[in-house]
């Protein structure tokens, strides 16, 4: 969770992953779903020391259907992207889970 796919421009990362996957190989990743209305490249400020500016980290947030289009455009098939609801309790944010195959 919160790996390279979330923190790397998909236009750069997806072709590199697809190139390395053998036919039938699978790409699976999970991350938080996007905040409604906040899609594409987003920035997060990560606090550091009291005398330091925060670290800026970019992440890429898309709705499930947008991930499906991106992956298909980069040569993946059998793409499935869904948001798994949070379990019962105080937390309400689910998890985006994405699966895709390399063409055979």
N, C-alpha and C. Protein backbone atom coordinates (compact mmCIF):
# COMPACT_ATOMS: atom_id res chain seq x y z
N UNK A 1 0.84 -1.17 0.00
CA UNK A 1 0.00 0.00 0.00
C UNK A 1 0.89 1.24 0.00
N UNK A 2 0.46 2.26 -0.71
CA UNK A 2 1.18 3.52 -0.81
C UNK A 2 2.56 3.34 -1.42
N UNK A 3 2.64 2.56 -2.46
CA UNK A 3 3.91 2.27 -3.10
C UNK A 3 4.17 3.13 -4.32
N UNK A 4 5.00 2.60 -5.20
CA UNK A 4 5.46 3.33 -6.37
C UNK A 4 4.33 3.84 -7.26
N UNK A 5 3.25 3.08 -7.39
CA UNK A 5 2.17 3.50 -8.28
C UNK A 5 1.50 4.77 -7.77
N UNK A 6 1.45 4.94 -6.47
CA UNK A 6 0.83 6.15 -5.93
C UNK A 6 1.75 7.36 -6.05
N UNK A 7 3.06 7.15 -5.96
CA UNK A 7 4.01 8.25 -5.88
C UNK A 7 4.81 8.49 -7.15
N UNK A 8 4.44 7.86 -8.26
CA UNK A 8 5.17 8.03 -9.52
C UNK A 8 4.19 8.31 -10.64
N UNK A 9 4.55 9.22 -11.50
CA UNK A 9 3.70 9.58 -12.63
C UNK A 9 3.37 8.32 -13.44
N UNK A 10 2.08 7.98 -13.58
CA UNK A 10 1.72 6.77 -14.31
C UNK A 10 2.20 6.77 -15.76
N UNK A 11 2.36 7.95 -16.36
CA UNK A 11 2.85 8.02 -17.74
C UNK A 11 4.29 7.51 -17.84
N UNK A 12 5.03 7.57 -16.74
CA UNK A 12 6.40 7.05 -16.69
C UNK A 12 6.44 5.62 -16.16
N UNK A 13 5.69 5.37 -15.10
CA UNK A 13 5.79 4.09 -14.41
C UNK A 13 5.08 2.94 -15.13
N UNK A 14 3.85 3.17 -15.61
CA UNK A 14 3.09 2.06 -16.21
C UNK A 14 3.79 1.45 -17.42
N UNK A 15 4.36 2.23 -18.34
CA UNK A 15 5.09 1.59 -19.44
C UNK A 15 6.30 0.77 -18.96
N UNK A 16 6.97 1.27 -17.93
CA UNK A 16 8.13 0.54 -17.41
C UNK A 16 7.71 -0.79 -16.78
N UNK A 17 6.61 -0.77 -16.04
CA UNK A 17 6.11 -2.01 -15.44
C UNK A 17 5.67 -2.97 -16.53
N UNK A 18 4.92 -2.47 -17.50
CA UNK A 18 4.39 -3.34 -18.57
C UNK A 18 5.53 -3.97 -19.35
N UNK A 19 6.58 -3.22 -19.59
CA UNK A 19 7.75 -3.74 -20.34
C UNK A 19 8.41 -4.90 -19.61
N UNK A 20 8.40 -4.88 -18.29
CA UNK A 20 9.06 -5.91 -17.49
C UNK A 20 8.20 -7.13 -17.20
N UNK A 21 6.89 -7.00 -17.28
CA UNK A 21 6.01 -8.12 -16.97
C UNK A 21 6.00 -9.13 -18.12
N UNK A 22 6.10 -10.40 -17.79
CA UNK A 22 5.96 -11.46 -18.78
C UNK A 22 4.50 -11.56 -19.18
N UNK A 23 4.20 -12.10 -20.37
CA UNK A 23 2.80 -12.28 -20.75
C UNK A 23 2.03 -13.03 -19.66
N UNK A 24 0.89 -12.50 -19.30
CA UNK A 24 0.08 -13.09 -18.23
C UNK A 24 0.46 -12.62 -16.84
N UNK A 25 1.58 -11.88 -16.72
CA UNK A 25 1.99 -11.35 -15.41
C UNK A 25 0.95 -10.36 -14.88
N UNK A 26 0.95 -10.15 -13.58
CA UNK A 26 -0.08 -9.31 -12.96
C UNK A 26 0.54 -8.14 -12.22
N UNK A 27 -0.14 -7.01 -12.31
CA UNK A 27 0.16 -5.84 -11.51
C UNK A 27 -0.99 -5.68 -10.53
N UNK A 28 -0.67 -5.62 -9.26
CA UNK A 28 -1.68 -5.39 -8.22
C UNK A 28 -1.17 -4.28 -7.31
N UNK A 29 -2.06 -3.35 -6.99
CA UNK A 29 -1.68 -2.31 -6.05
C UNK A 29 -2.91 -1.82 -5.30
N UNK A 30 -2.65 -1.20 -4.17
CA UNK A 30 -3.73 -0.62 -3.37
C UNK A 30 -3.25 0.71 -2.83
N UNK A 31 -4.21 1.58 -2.61
CA UNK A 31 -3.93 2.89 -2.03
C UNK A 31 -5.25 3.49 -1.57
N UNK A 32 -5.19 4.61 -0.92
CA UNK A 32 -6.43 5.29 -0.53
C UNK A 32 -7.16 5.74 -1.78
N UNK A 33 -8.47 5.74 -1.75
CA UNK A 33 -9.22 6.30 -2.87
C UNK A 33 -9.00 7.82 -2.93
N UNK A 34 -9.23 8.41 -4.10
CA UNK A 34 -9.05 9.86 -4.18
C UNK A 34 -10.12 10.60 -3.39
N UNK A 35 -9.78 11.79 -2.99
CA UNK A 35 -10.76 12.70 -2.40
C UNK A 35 -11.61 13.21 -3.55
N UNK A 36 -12.91 13.23 -3.38
CA UNK A 36 -13.80 13.65 -4.46
C UNK A 36 -13.38 15.01 -5.01
N UNK A 37 -13.22 15.07 -6.33
CA UNK A 37 -12.84 16.30 -7.00
C UNK A 37 -11.34 16.55 -7.06
N UNK A 38 -10.54 15.70 -6.43
CA UNK A 38 -9.08 15.87 -6.42
C UNK A 38 -8.45 14.71 -7.18
N UNK A 39 -8.25 14.90 -8.47
CA UNK A 39 -7.76 13.81 -9.32
C UNK A 39 -6.47 14.21 -10.01
N UNK A 40 -5.71 13.21 -10.40
CA UNK A 40 -4.42 13.45 -11.05
C UNK A 40 -3.35 13.67 -10.00
N UNK A 41 -2.36 14.47 -10.36
CA UNK A 41 -1.24 14.72 -9.46
C UNK A 41 -1.69 15.63 -8.33
N UNK A 42 -1.43 15.21 -7.11
CA UNK A 42 -1.76 15.96 -5.89
C UNK A 42 -0.47 16.10 -5.07
N UNK A 43 -0.44 17.08 -4.21
CA UNK A 43 0.73 17.28 -3.35
C UNK A 43 0.36 17.11 -1.89
N UNK A 44 1.27 16.50 -1.15
CA UNK A 44 1.11 16.35 0.30
C UNK A 44 2.31 17.01 0.97
N UNK A 45 2.05 17.70 2.07
CA UNK A 45 3.13 18.26 2.87
C UNK A 45 3.39 17.33 4.04
N UNK A 46 4.64 16.89 4.17
CA UNK A 46 5.03 16.00 5.24
C UNK A 46 5.86 16.82 6.25
N UNK A 47 5.36 16.96 7.48
CA UNK A 47 6.10 17.75 8.47
C UNK A 47 7.49 17.17 8.73
N UNK A 48 8.43 18.08 8.95
CA UNK A 48 9.79 17.67 9.34
C UNK A 48 10.12 18.40 10.64
N UNK A 49 11.36 18.70 10.86
CA UNK A 49 11.77 19.38 12.09
C UNK A 49 11.18 20.77 12.21
N UNK A 50 11.23 21.32 13.43
CA UNK A 50 10.64 22.63 13.71
C UNK A 50 11.27 23.75 12.87
N UNK A 51 12.52 23.61 12.49
CA UNK A 51 13.22 24.64 11.72
C UNK A 51 13.31 24.32 10.24
N UNK A 52 12.56 23.33 9.78
CA UNK A 52 12.64 22.91 8.38
C UNK A 52 11.28 23.06 7.70
N UNK A 53 11.34 23.42 6.43
CA UNK A 53 10.11 23.42 5.64
C UNK A 53 9.61 21.99 5.50
N UNK A 54 8.31 21.82 5.33
CA UNK A 54 7.80 20.46 5.13
C UNK A 54 8.30 19.88 3.81
N UNK A 55 8.37 18.59 3.78
CA UNK A 55 8.74 17.87 2.56
C UNK A 55 7.49 17.82 1.68
N UNK A 56 7.65 18.10 0.39
CA UNK A 56 6.53 18.02 -0.54
C UNK A 56 6.62 16.68 -1.27
N UNK A 57 5.55 15.92 -1.20
CA UNK A 57 5.49 14.62 -1.86
C UNK A 57 4.32 14.63 -2.83
N UNK A 58 4.58 14.27 -4.09
CA UNK A 58 3.51 14.18 -5.08
C UNK A 58 2.92 12.77 -5.05
N UNK A 59 1.61 12.69 -5.33
CA UNK A 59 0.96 11.40 -5.47
C UNK A 59 -0.08 11.53 -6.57
N UNK A 60 -0.44 10.40 -7.16
CA UNK A 60 -1.39 10.38 -8.26
C UNK A 60 -2.67 9.69 -7.81
N UNK A 61 -3.76 10.44 -7.81
CA UNK A 61 -5.07 9.96 -7.35
C UNK A 61 -6.04 9.92 -8.53
N UNK A 62 -6.67 8.76 -8.71
CA UNK A 62 -7.67 8.61 -9.76
C UNK A 62 -8.82 7.75 -9.26
N UNK A 63 -9.99 7.98 -9.81
CA UNK A 63 -11.14 7.12 -9.57
C UNK A 63 -10.87 5.76 -10.23
N UNK A 64 -11.56 4.70 -9.80
CA UNK A 64 -11.33 3.37 -10.38
C UNK A 64 -11.44 3.33 -11.92
N UNK A 65 -12.45 3.99 -12.49
CA UNK A 65 -12.59 3.94 -13.95
C UNK A 65 -11.44 4.64 -14.66
N UNK A 66 -10.88 5.67 -14.06
CA UNK A 66 -9.73 6.35 -14.66
C UNK A 66 -8.49 5.45 -14.61
N UNK A 67 -8.29 4.71 -13.50
CA UNK A 67 -7.18 3.76 -13.44
C UNK A 67 -7.35 2.69 -14.51
N UNK A 68 -8.57 2.23 -14.70
CA UNK A 68 -8.81 1.21 -15.73
C UNK A 68 -8.43 1.74 -17.10
N UNK A 69 -8.82 2.96 -17.43
CA UNK A 69 -8.47 3.55 -18.74
C UNK A 69 -6.96 3.71 -18.88
N UNK A 70 -6.30 4.21 -17.83
CA UNK A 70 -4.85 4.40 -17.89
C UNK A 70 -4.12 3.09 -18.12
N UNK A 71 -4.51 2.07 -17.38
CA UNK A 71 -3.83 0.77 -17.52
C UNK A 71 -4.06 0.17 -18.89
N UNK A 72 -5.27 0.24 -19.39
CA UNK A 72 -5.56 -0.29 -20.73
C UNK A 72 -4.78 0.47 -21.80
N UNK A 73 -4.66 1.77 -21.64
CA UNK A 73 -3.91 2.59 -22.59
C UNK A 73 -2.43 2.23 -22.62
N UNK A 74 -1.94 1.63 -21.54
CA UNK A 74 -0.53 1.23 -21.46
C UNK A 74 -0.33 -0.27 -21.68
N UNK A 75 -1.31 -0.93 -22.28
CA UNK A 75 -1.14 -2.31 -22.69
C UNK A 75 -1.53 -3.37 -21.69
N UNK A 76 -2.25 -3.01 -20.66
CA UNK A 76 -2.72 -4.00 -19.70
C UNK A 76 -4.12 -4.47 -20.09
N UNK A 77 -4.45 -5.70 -19.71
CA UNK A 77 -5.77 -6.26 -19.96
C UNK A 77 -6.35 -6.77 -18.65
N UNK A 78 -7.58 -7.27 -18.72
CA UNK A 78 -8.24 -7.83 -17.53
C UNK A 78 -8.09 -6.88 -16.34
N UNK A 79 -8.34 -5.62 -16.58
CA UNK A 79 -8.16 -4.59 -15.55
C UNK A 79 -9.42 -4.53 -14.67
N UNK A 80 -9.20 -4.49 -13.38
CA UNK A 80 -10.30 -4.38 -12.42
C UNK A 80 -9.86 -3.42 -11.33
N UNK A 81 -10.63 -2.36 -11.13
CA UNK A 81 -10.32 -1.38 -10.09
C UNK A 81 -11.60 -1.12 -9.30
N UNK A 82 -11.52 -1.28 -7.99
CA UNK A 82 -12.68 -1.11 -7.13
C UNK A 82 -12.26 -0.52 -5.79
N UNK A 83 -13.21 0.09 -5.13
CA UNK A 83 -12.97 0.59 -3.79
C UNK A 83 -13.62 -0.36 -2.79
N UNK A 84 -12.80 -0.93 -1.94
CA UNK A 84 -13.27 -1.80 -0.88
C UNK A 84 -13.67 -0.91 0.29
N UNK A 85 -14.89 -1.03 0.73
CA UNK A 85 -15.38 -0.19 1.83
C UNK A 85 -14.59 -0.46 3.11
N UNK A 86 -14.51 0.55 3.94
CA UNK A 86 -13.86 0.40 5.25
C UNK A 86 -14.69 -0.56 6.11
N UNK A 87 -14.03 -1.32 6.96
CA UNK A 87 -14.79 -2.21 7.85
C UNK A 87 -15.60 -1.38 8.85
N UNK A 88 -16.57 -1.99 9.49
CA UNK A 88 -17.36 -1.25 10.49
C UNK A 88 -16.44 -0.66 11.57
N UNK A 89 -16.77 0.52 12.00
CA UNK A 89 -15.97 1.18 13.02
C UNK A 89 -15.90 2.67 12.75
N UNK A 90 -14.96 3.33 13.40
CA UNK A 90 -14.85 4.79 13.31
C UNK A 90 -14.29 5.26 11.97
N UNK A 91 -13.44 4.49 11.37
CA UNK A 91 -12.82 4.91 10.10
C UNK A 91 -13.78 4.67 8.95
N UNK A 92 -13.82 5.63 8.03
CA UNK A 92 -14.79 5.53 6.93
C UNK A 92 -14.14 5.45 5.55
N UNK A 93 -12.84 5.66 5.47
CA UNK A 93 -12.17 5.64 4.17
C UNK A 93 -11.79 4.21 3.82
N UNK A 94 -12.22 3.78 2.64
CA UNK A 94 -11.93 2.43 2.17
C UNK A 94 -10.55 2.35 1.53
N UNK A 95 -10.36 1.34 0.70
CA UNK A 95 -9.10 1.11 0.01
C UNK A 95 -9.37 0.86 -1.46
N UNK A 96 -8.65 1.56 -2.31
CA UNK A 96 -8.70 1.32 -3.74
C UNK A 96 -7.82 0.12 -4.04
N UNK A 97 -8.35 -0.89 -4.69
CA UNK A 97 -7.60 -2.09 -5.06
C UNK A 97 -7.66 -2.23 -6.57
N UNK A 98 -6.51 -2.37 -7.22
CA UNK A 98 -6.43 -2.43 -8.67
C UNK A 98 -5.63 -3.67 -9.08
N UNK A 99 -6.18 -4.37 -10.08
CA UNK A 99 -5.53 -5.56 -10.64
C UNK A 99 -5.52 -5.42 -12.15
N UNK A 100 -4.42 -5.85 -12.78
CA UNK A 100 -4.32 -5.80 -14.23
C UNK A 100 -3.34 -6.88 -14.68
N UNK A 101 -3.52 -7.36 -15.91
CA UNK A 101 -2.66 -8.39 -16.48
C UNK A 101 -1.89 -7.83 -17.68
N UNK A 102 -0.72 -8.41 -17.92
CA UNK A 102 0.03 -8.10 -19.13
C UNK A 102 -0.56 -8.94 -20.26
N UNK A 103 -0.64 -8.36 -21.43
CA UNK A 103 -1.17 -9.11 -22.58
C UNK A 103 -0.35 -10.37 -22.78
N UNK A 104 -1.07 -11.45 -23.16
CA UNK A 104 -0.42 -12.74 -23.36
C UNK A 104 0.10 -12.98 -24.72
